[in-house]
Amino acid sequence: MGLPPLLCQSAAVLKVGQQAPAFDVTASDGKRLRLEDFRGKKNVVLYFYPRDFTRVCTLEACGFRDMYEDLMGKDTEIIGVSLDSDDSHKKFATEYKVPFPLVADKNRELAKSYEAIGPLRGLIGIVKRVTFVIDKQGNIADILHAELSADTHLEGVKAALSRLGA
């Protein structure tokens, strides 16, 4: 019989070395973020996480927070993305002193373009924990996957940026 059409669809798989999908979003603090605005100026760490205020997501955000000043000095911007609301992001950022932008991907377009959401996750309203390191030319320099390990993402970002000379 085969699988239902939704499960059979093959999507283009993002790979290291290819051009990162463009984005134009507004962070919870009202700041407009466009990948093209970073081109030639900054590397971008675009990380998707399931939910504000959950254990691993909080560890990950606080880890990036603690690295933020060092990364800014290395021409790198961090952007966190989940399906949580702007209000939730504002509370989360305030409580944990998150200095970088958080994006509420309400229409799920950013998560879809970065393959951070699938049919089942879409139904339950969460994205995969996946981090993209994008170089100054807009190419994907690394893709990090680890649902239950914030350290895998944090250490992976440091290693990728080191390889980029950042």
N, C-alpha and C. Protein backbone atom coordinates (compact mmCIF):
# COMPACT_ATOMS: atom_id res chain seq x y z
N MET A 1 0.81 -1.21 0.00
CA MET A 1 0.00 0.00 0.00
C MET A 1 0.84 1.26 0.00
N GLY A 2 1.88 1.28 0.77
CA GLY A 2 2.72 2.47 0.80
C GLY A 2 2.36 3.41 1.93
N LEU A 3 3.18 4.41 2.08
CA LEU A 3 2.98 5.40 3.13
C LEU A 3 2.04 6.50 2.67
N PRO A 4 1.37 7.16 3.60
CA PRO A 4 0.54 8.30 3.24
C PRO A 4 1.40 9.37 2.55
N PRO A 5 0.82 10.13 1.63
CA PRO A 5 1.59 11.13 0.87
C PRO A 5 2.42 12.07 1.73
N LEU A 6 1.89 12.49 2.87
CA LEU A 6 2.60 13.44 3.72
C LEU A 6 3.94 12.88 4.19
N LEU A 7 3.98 11.57 4.44
CA LEU A 7 5.20 10.95 4.92
C LEU A 7 6.15 10.58 3.79
N CYS A 8 5.65 10.52 2.58
CA CYS A 8 6.47 10.12 1.43
C CYS A 8 7.19 11.29 0.79
N GLN A 9 6.75 12.48 1.05
CA GLN A 9 7.35 13.63 0.39
C GLN A 9 8.81 13.75 0.77
N SER A 10 9.65 13.90 -0.24
CA SER A 10 11.07 14.12 0.07
C SER A 10 11.34 15.61 -0.06
N ALA A 11 12.04 16.11 0.91
CA ALA A 11 12.38 17.53 0.90
C ALA A 11 13.86 17.67 0.60
N ALA A 12 14.23 18.82 0.09
CA ALA A 12 15.64 19.11 -0.09
C ALA A 12 16.28 19.15 1.29
N VAL A 13 17.40 18.50 1.41
CA VAL A 13 18.08 18.45 2.70
C VAL A 13 19.19 19.50 2.71
N LEU A 14 19.17 20.36 3.72
CA LEU A 14 20.21 21.38 3.85
C LEU A 14 21.53 20.70 4.18
N LYS A 15 22.59 21.20 3.58
CA LYS A 15 23.91 20.60 3.77
C LYS A 15 24.95 21.69 4.04
N VAL A 16 25.99 21.28 4.75
CA VAL A 16 27.13 22.16 4.98
C VAL A 16 27.72 22.55 3.62
N GLY A 17 28.03 23.83 3.47
CA GLY A 17 28.63 24.33 2.24
C GLY A 17 27.65 25.01 1.31
N GLN A 18 26.37 24.73 1.46
CA GLN A 18 25.40 25.37 0.57
C GLN A 18 24.94 26.71 1.15
N GLN A 19 24.35 27.51 0.29
CA GLN A 19 23.81 28.81 0.70
C GLN A 19 22.68 28.60 1.70
N ALA A 20 22.72 29.34 2.81
CA ALA A 20 21.66 29.26 3.81
C ALA A 20 20.40 29.92 3.26
N PRO A 21 19.23 29.38 3.59
CA PRO A 21 17.99 30.02 3.16
C PRO A 21 17.90 31.45 3.71
N ALA A 22 17.49 32.37 2.87
CA ALA A 22 17.33 33.76 3.29
C ALA A 22 16.20 33.84 4.32
N PHE A 23 16.31 34.82 5.20
CA PHE A 23 15.20 35.08 6.12
C PHE A 23 15.07 36.57 6.37
N ASP A 24 13.85 36.96 6.71
CA ASP A 24 13.51 38.32 7.04
C ASP A 24 12.43 38.22 8.11
N VAL A 25 12.84 38.35 9.37
CA VAL A 25 11.94 38.14 10.50
C VAL A 25 12.05 39.30 11.48
N THR A 26 11.11 39.36 12.38
CA THR A 26 11.14 40.36 13.44
C THR A 26 11.29 39.64 14.77
N ALA A 27 12.30 40.02 15.53
CA ALA A 27 12.55 39.41 16.84
C ALA A 27 11.50 39.91 17.84
N SER A 28 11.44 39.24 18.95
CA SER A 28 10.47 39.59 19.99
C SER A 28 10.67 40.99 20.54
N ASP A 29 11.89 41.52 20.40
CA ASP A 29 12.15 42.89 20.86
C ASP A 29 11.84 43.93 19.79
N GLY A 30 11.29 43.49 18.65
CA GLY A 30 10.90 44.39 17.58
C GLY A 30 11.97 44.63 16.52
N LYS A 31 13.16 44.08 16.73
CA LYS A 31 14.27 44.28 15.79
C LYS A 31 14.09 43.40 14.55
N ARG A 32 14.25 44.02 13.38
CA ARG A 32 14.16 43.28 12.12
C ARG A 32 15.50 42.58 11.86
N LEU A 33 15.44 41.32 11.51
CA LEU A 33 16.62 40.51 11.25
C LEU A 33 16.53 39.92 9.86
N ARG A 34 17.50 40.26 9.03
CA ARG A 34 17.56 39.70 7.68
C ARG A 34 18.95 39.11 7.46
N LEU A 35 18.99 37.90 6.96
CA LEU A 35 20.29 37.26 6.74
C LEU A 35 21.17 38.13 5.86
N GLU A 36 20.60 38.76 4.85
CA GLU A 36 21.41 39.58 3.93
C GLU A 36 22.08 40.77 4.63
N ASP A 37 21.51 41.22 5.75
CA ASP A 37 22.12 42.34 6.48
C ASP A 37 23.42 41.94 7.20
N PHE A 38 23.60 40.63 7.40
CA PHE A 38 24.81 40.14 8.06
C PHE A 38 25.91 39.78 7.04
N ARG A 39 25.52 39.64 5.78
CA ARG A 39 26.47 39.20 4.74
C ARG A 39 27.67 40.13 4.67
N GLY A 40 28.85 39.52 4.70
CA GLY A 40 30.09 40.27 4.63
C GLY A 40 30.49 40.92 5.95
N LYS A 41 29.63 40.84 6.97
CA LYS A 41 29.89 41.51 8.24
C LYS A 41 30.00 40.55 9.42
N LYS A 42 29.05 39.61 9.50
CA LYS A 42 29.00 38.73 10.68
C LYS A 42 28.63 37.31 10.29
N ASN A 43 29.17 36.37 11.07
CA ASN A 43 28.68 35.00 11.04
C ASN A 43 27.36 35.02 11.82
N VAL A 44 26.52 34.06 11.55
CA VAL A 44 25.25 33.97 12.26
C VAL A 44 25.09 32.57 12.84
N VAL A 45 24.77 32.50 14.12
CA VAL A 45 24.39 31.25 14.76
C VAL A 45 22.87 31.29 14.88
N LEU A 46 22.20 30.51 14.06
CA LEU A 46 20.74 30.45 14.06
C LEU A 46 20.35 29.14 14.71
N TYR A 47 19.80 29.24 15.92
CA TYR A 47 19.48 27.99 16.61
C TYR A 47 17.98 27.90 16.90
N PHE A 48 17.46 26.72 16.63
CA PHE A 48 16.05 26.41 16.85
C PHE A 48 15.96 25.57 18.12
N TYR A 49 14.98 25.90 18.95
CA TYR A 49 14.82 25.16 20.21
C TYR A 49 13.32 24.97 20.48
N PRO A 50 12.96 23.85 21.14
CA PRO A 50 11.55 23.51 21.31
C PRO A 50 10.71 24.49 22.11
N ARG A 51 11.15 24.89 23.31
CA ARG A 51 10.28 25.71 24.17
C ARG A 51 11.08 26.56 25.16
N ASP A 52 10.58 27.77 25.40
CA ASP A 52 11.11 28.60 26.48
C ASP A 52 10.84 27.90 27.81
N PHE A 53 11.71 28.14 28.77
CA PHE A 53 11.55 27.70 30.16
C PHE A 53 11.64 26.19 30.37
N THR A 54 12.05 25.42 29.38
CA THR A 54 12.26 24.00 29.60
C THR A 54 13.74 23.77 29.90
N ARG A 55 14.06 22.66 30.52
CA ARG A 55 15.40 22.42 31.06
C ARG A 55 16.52 22.58 30.03
N VAL A 56 16.50 21.78 28.97
CA VAL A 56 17.59 21.81 28.00
C VAL A 56 17.60 23.14 27.24
N CYS A 57 16.43 23.65 26.91
CA CYS A 57 16.36 24.93 26.19
C CYS A 57 16.94 26.07 27.03
N THR A 58 16.67 26.05 28.32
CA THR A 58 17.20 27.07 29.21
C THR A 58 18.72 26.94 29.32
N LEU A 59 19.22 25.70 29.45
CA LEU A 59 20.67 25.48 29.50
C LEU A 59 21.33 25.99 28.22
N GLU A 60 20.70 25.73 27.09
CA GLU A 60 21.26 26.15 25.81
C GLU A 60 21.28 27.68 25.70
N ALA A 61 20.15 28.31 26.01
CA ALA A 61 20.08 29.77 25.94
C ALA A 61 21.08 30.42 26.89
N CYS A 62 21.20 29.89 28.09
CA CYS A 62 22.14 30.46 29.06
C CYS A 62 23.59 30.21 28.62
N GLY A 63 23.85 29.09 27.98
CA GLY A 63 25.18 28.83 27.44
C GLY A 63 25.54 29.83 26.35
N PHE A 64 24.60 30.07 25.44
CA PHE A 64 24.84 31.08 24.40
C PHE A 64 24.95 32.47 25.01
N ARG A 65 24.15 32.74 26.04
CA ARG A 65 24.24 34.03 26.74
C ARG A 65 25.65 34.24 27.30
N ASP A 66 26.18 33.19 27.92
CA ASP A 66 27.51 33.29 28.53
C ASP A 66 28.62 33.44 27.49
N MET A 67 28.38 32.99 26.26
CA MET A 67 29.35 33.10 25.17
C MET A 67 29.15 34.37 24.35
N TYR A 68 28.05 35.06 24.56
CA TYR A 68 27.62 36.12 23.66
C TYR A 68 28.65 37.22 23.48
N GLU A 69 29.18 37.73 24.55
CA GLU A 69 30.13 38.84 24.44
C GLU A 69 31.37 38.41 23.64
N ASP A 70 31.86 37.22 23.89
CA ASP A 70 33.01 36.70 23.16
C ASP A 70 32.67 36.54 21.67
N LEU A 71 31.48 36.02 21.38
CA LEU A 71 31.08 35.81 19.98
C LEU A 71 30.88 37.14 19.26
N MET A 72 30.33 38.12 19.96
CA MET A 72 30.15 39.44 19.34
C MET A 72 31.51 40.01 18.94
N GLY A 73 32.52 39.78 19.77
CA GLY A 73 33.86 40.24 19.47
C GLY A 73 34.49 39.49 18.30
N LYS A 74 33.88 38.37 17.94
CA LYS A 74 34.36 37.57 16.80
C LYS A 74 33.41 37.71 15.61
N ASP A 75 32.73 38.85 15.53
CA ASP A 75 31.82 39.13 14.41
C ASP A 75 30.78 38.04 14.21
N THR A 76 30.13 37.66 15.29
CA THR A 76 29.11 36.61 15.23
C THR A 76 27.87 37.05 15.98
N GLU A 77 26.71 36.86 15.36
CA GLU A 77 25.42 37.14 15.99
C GLU A 77 24.71 35.82 16.27
N ILE A 78 24.02 35.75 17.39
CA ILE A 78 23.21 34.59 17.76
C ILE A 78 21.75 34.97 17.63
N ILE A 79 20.96 34.07 17.07
CA ILE A 79 19.51 34.27 16.95
C ILE A 79 18.84 32.97 17.37
N GLY A 80 17.98 33.05 18.38
CA GLY A 80 17.21 31.88 18.82
C GLY A 80 15.82 31.90 18.23
N VAL A 81 15.32 30.71 17.87
CA VAL A 81 14.01 30.61 17.22
C VAL A 81 13.20 29.46 17.83
N SER A 82 11.96 29.75 18.18
CA SER A 82 11.02 28.69 18.56
C SER A 82 9.63 29.14 18.12
N LEU A 83 8.66 28.29 18.37
CA LEU A 83 7.27 28.64 18.02
C LEU A 83 6.56 29.34 19.17
N ASP A 84 7.27 29.55 20.30
CA ASP A 84 6.67 30.26 21.42
C ASP A 84 6.32 31.69 21.01
N SER A 85 5.46 32.32 21.78
CA SER A 85 4.99 33.68 21.48
C SER A 85 6.05 34.73 21.80
N ASP A 86 5.86 35.91 21.25
CA ASP A 86 6.73 37.05 21.58
C ASP A 86 6.70 37.31 23.09
N ASP A 87 5.52 37.22 23.68
CA ASP A 87 5.38 37.46 25.12
C ASP A 87 6.21 36.45 25.92
N SER A 88 6.14 35.18 25.54
CA SER A 88 6.92 34.15 26.21
C SER A 88 8.42 34.43 26.06
N HIS A 89 8.84 34.80 24.84
CA HIS A 89 10.25 35.12 24.60
C HIS A 89 10.71 36.30 25.45
N LYS A 90 9.88 37.32 25.56
CA LYS A 90 10.25 38.49 26.37
C LYS A 90 10.44 38.11 27.83
N LYS A 91 9.54 37.29 28.36
CA LYS A 91 9.65 36.84 29.75
C LYS A 91 10.90 35.98 29.94
N PHE A 92 11.13 35.09 28.99
CA PHE A 92 12.29 34.19 29.03
C PHE A 92 13.59 35.00 28.99
N ALA A 93 13.66 35.94 28.05
CA ALA A 93 14.86 36.78 27.91
C ALA A 93 15.11 37.61 29.17
N THR A 94 14.04 38.13 29.77
CA THR A 94 14.18 38.92 30.99
C THR A 94 14.65 38.06 32.15
N GLU A 95 14.00 36.93 32.34
CA GLU A 95 14.34 36.07 33.48
C GLU A 95 15.77 35.54 33.40
N TYR A 96 16.22 35.20 32.20
CA TYR A 96 17.55 34.59 32.06
C TYR A 96 18.59 35.55 31.47
N LYS A 97 18.23 36.83 31.36
CA LYS A 97 19.15 37.86 30.85
C LYS A 97 19.75 37.48 29.50
N VAL A 98 18.88 37.06 28.59
CA VAL A 98 19.29 36.66 27.24
C VAL A 98 19.51 37.94 26.43
N PRO A 99 20.76 38.21 25.99
CA PRO A 99 21.06 39.47 25.30
C PRO A 99 20.86 39.45 23.79
N PHE A 100 20.62 38.30 23.23
CA PHE A 100 20.49 38.18 21.78
C PHE A 100 19.02 38.02 21.39
N PRO A 101 18.71 38.26 20.12
CA PRO A 101 17.31 38.22 19.69
C PRO A 101 16.71 36.81 19.71
N LEU A 102 15.44 36.77 20.11
CA LEU A 102 14.65 35.55 20.04
C LEU A 102 13.50 35.81 19.08
N VAL A 103 13.25 34.85 18.21
CA VAL A 103 12.22 34.99 17.18
C VAL A 103 11.08 34.03 17.46
N ALA A 104 9.86 34.56 17.48
CA ALA A 104 8.66 33.75 17.58
C ALA A 104 8.20 33.42 16.16
N ASP A 105 8.46 32.22 15.73
CA ASP A 105 8.18 31.81 14.36
C ASP A 105 6.72 31.32 14.26
N LYS A 106 5.81 32.27 14.42
CA LYS A 106 4.38 31.96 14.49
C LYS A 106 3.85 31.23 13.27
N ASN A 107 4.28 31.66 12.08
CA ASN A 107 3.77 31.03 10.85
C ASN A 107 4.62 29.84 10.41
N ARG A 108 5.68 29.55 11.17
CA ARG A 108 6.55 28.38 10.96
C ARG A 108 7.34 28.41 9.67
N GLU A 109 7.38 29.56 9.01
CA GLU A 109 8.08 29.64 7.73
C GLU A 109 9.59 29.50 7.90
N LEU A 110 10.15 30.13 8.92
CA LEU A 110 11.59 30.02 9.15
C LEU A 110 11.97 28.58 9.49
N ALA A 111 11.21 27.96 10.38
CA ALA A 111 11.47 26.56 10.76
C ALA A 111 11.36 25.64 9.54
N LYS A 112 10.39 25.87 8.69
CA LYS A 112 10.24 25.04 7.49
C LYS A 112 11.41 25.24 6.54
N SER A 113 11.83 26.47 6.34
CA SER A 113 12.92 26.72 5.39
C SER A 113 14.24 26.14 5.88
N TYR A 114 14.38 25.98 7.20
CA TYR A 114 15.59 25.38 7.77
C TYR A 114 15.37 23.94 8.21
N GLU A 115 14.27 23.34 7.77
CA GLU A 115 13.97 21.93 8.04
C GLU A 115 14.01 21.61 9.53
N ALA A 116 13.54 22.54 10.34
CA ALA A 116 13.54 22.35 11.78
C ALA A 116 12.17 21.92 12.30
N ILE A 117 11.27 21.60 11.39
CA ILE A 117 9.94 21.17 11.81
C ILE A 117 9.42 20.17 10.78
N GLY A 118 8.71 19.20 11.28
CA GLY A 118 8.10 18.21 10.40
C GLY A 118 6.64 18.07 10.75
N PRO A 119 5.94 17.14 10.11
CA PRO A 119 4.49 17.00 10.35
C PRO A 119 4.13 16.75 11.81
N LEU A 120 4.80 15.81 12.48
CA LEU A 120 4.46 15.51 13.87
C LEU A 120 4.79 16.67 14.79
N ARG A 121 5.98 17.24 14.66
CA ARG A 121 6.36 18.37 15.51
C ARG A 121 5.43 19.57 15.24
N GLY A 122 5.04 19.75 14.00
CA GLY A 122 4.12 20.83 13.67
C GLY A 122 2.80 20.67 14.40
N LEU A 123 2.34 19.44 14.50
CA LEU A 123 1.08 19.18 15.19
C LEU A 123 1.16 19.51 16.68
N ILE A 124 2.31 19.22 17.28
CA ILE A 124 2.43 19.50 18.72
C ILE A 124 3.03 20.87 19.00
N GLY A 125 3.39 21.59 17.96
CA GLY A 125 3.81 22.99 18.10
C GLY A 125 5.21 23.21 18.62
N ILE A 126 6.16 22.32 18.23
CA ILE A 126 7.55 22.53 18.62
C ILE A 126 8.47 22.29 17.43
N VAL A 127 9.65 22.87 17.50
CA VAL A 127 10.66 22.65 16.47
C VAL A 127 11.72 21.69 17.01
N LYS A 128 12.53 21.16 16.11
CA LYS A 128 13.67 20.34 16.48
C LYS A 128 14.75 21.23 17.08
N ARG A 129 15.57 20.65 17.93
CA ARG A 129 16.74 21.37 18.43
C ARG A 129 17.83 21.19 17.37
N VAL A 130 18.06 22.23 16.61
CA VAL A 130 19.07 22.19 15.55
C VAL A 130 19.70 23.58 15.46
N THR A 131 21.01 23.60 15.26
CA THR A 131 21.75 24.86 15.19
C THR A 131 22.48 24.94 13.86
N PHE A 132 22.37 26.09 13.23
CA PHE A 132 23.07 26.36 11.97
C PHE A 132 24.10 27.44 12.21
N VAL A 133 25.34 27.16 11.83
CA VAL A 133 26.38 28.18 11.85
C VAL A 133 26.52 28.64 10.41
N ILE A 134 26.28 29.91 10.18
CA ILE A 134 26.28 30.49 8.83
C ILE A 134 27.44 31.47 8.75
N ASP A 135 28.29 31.29 7.74
CA ASP A 135 29.47 32.16 7.63
C ASP A 135 29.10 33.52 7.06
N LYS A 136 30.08 34.40 6.99
CA LYS A 136 29.85 35.77 6.55
C LYS A 136 29.40 35.86 5.09
N GLN A 137 29.63 34.81 4.33
CA GLN A 137 29.19 34.80 2.92
C GLN A 137 27.77 34.23 2.79
N GLY A 138 27.18 33.82 3.90
CA GLY A 138 25.82 33.29 3.87
C GLY A 138 25.75 31.80 3.59
N ASN A 139 26.88 31.11 3.72
CA ASN A 139 26.91 29.66 3.52
C ASN A 139 26.81 28.93 4.84
N ILE A 140 26.21 27.75 4.82
CA ILE A 140 26.11 26.94 6.03
C ILE A 140 27.48 26.33 6.32
N ALA A 141 28.05 26.70 7.46
CA ALA A 141 29.37 26.20 7.85
C ALA A 141 29.26 24.94 8.72
N ASP A 142 28.16 24.79 9.44
CA ASP A 142 27.94 23.60 10.26
C ASP A 142 26.47 23.49 10.62
N ILE A 143 26.04 22.25 10.84
CA ILE A 143 24.68 21.96 11.29
C ILE A 143 24.82 21.02 12.47
N LEU A 144 24.24 21.40 13.60
CA LEU A 144 24.38 20.62 14.82
C LEU A 144 23.01 20.10 15.26
N HIS A 145 22.94 18.79 15.50
CA HIS A 145 21.71 18.15 15.95
C HIS A 145 21.98 17.44 17.27
N ALA A 146 21.16 17.65 18.26
CA ALA A 146 21.22 16.92 19.53
C ALA A 146 20.03 17.39 20.36
N GLU A 147 18.98 16.59 20.40
CA GLU A 147 17.76 16.99 21.08
C GLU A 147 17.95 17.22 22.58
N LEU A 148 18.77 16.40 23.22
CA LEU A 148 18.85 16.46 24.67
C LEU A 148 20.18 16.96 25.21
N SER A 149 21.00 17.54 24.35
CA SER A 149 22.31 18.00 24.79
C SER A 149 22.58 19.43 24.34
N ALA A 150 22.46 20.36 25.27
CA ALA A 150 22.81 21.75 24.97
C ALA A 150 24.30 21.87 24.69
N ASP A 151 25.12 21.09 25.40
CA ASP A 151 26.57 21.17 25.23
C ASP A 151 27.01 20.82 23.81
N THR A 152 26.33 19.88 23.17
CA THR A 152 26.67 19.52 21.80
C THR A 152 26.56 20.75 20.90
N HIS A 153 25.54 21.56 21.11
CA HIS A 153 25.34 22.76 20.31
C HIS A 153 26.36 23.84 20.67
N LEU A 154 26.56 24.05 21.95
CA LEU A 154 27.48 25.09 22.41
C LEU A 154 28.91 24.80 21.97
N GLU A 155 29.37 23.59 22.21
CA GLU A 155 30.74 23.22 21.82
C GLU A 155 30.88 23.17 20.31
N GLY A 156 29.84 22.70 19.63
CA GLY A 156 29.86 22.65 18.17
C GLY A 156 29.98 24.03 17.54
N VAL A 157 29.29 24.99 18.10
CA VAL A 157 29.37 26.37 17.61
C VAL A 157 30.79 26.90 17.80
N LYS A 158 31.38 26.67 18.98
CA LYS A 158 32.75 27.13 19.22
C LYS A 158 33.71 26.52 18.19
N ALA A 159 33.57 25.22 17.95
CA ALA A 159 34.46 24.53 17.01
C ALA A 159 34.26 25.05 15.59
N ALA A 160 33.02 25.25 15.18
CA ALA A 160 32.74 25.74 13.82
C ALA A 160 33.29 27.13 13.63
N LEU A 161 33.10 28.00 14.61
CA LEU A 161 33.61 29.37 14.50
C LEU A 161 35.14 29.39 14.51
N SER A 162 35.73 28.49 15.25
CA SER A 162 37.19 28.38 15.25
C SER A 162 37.70 28.00 13.85
N ARG A 163 37.01 27.05 13.22
CA ARG A 163 37.39 26.65 11.85
C ARG A 163 37.24 27.82 10.88
N LEU A 164 36.27 28.70 11.15
CA LEU A 164 36.06 29.87 10.29
C LEU A 164 37.05 31.00 10.59
N GLY A 165 37.81 30.81 11.65
CA GLY A 165 38.76 31.84 12.04
C GLY A 165 38.13 32.97 12.82
N ALA A 166 36.93 32.72 13.34
CA ALA A 166 36.22 33.75 14.12
C ALA A 166 36.64 33.69 15.57
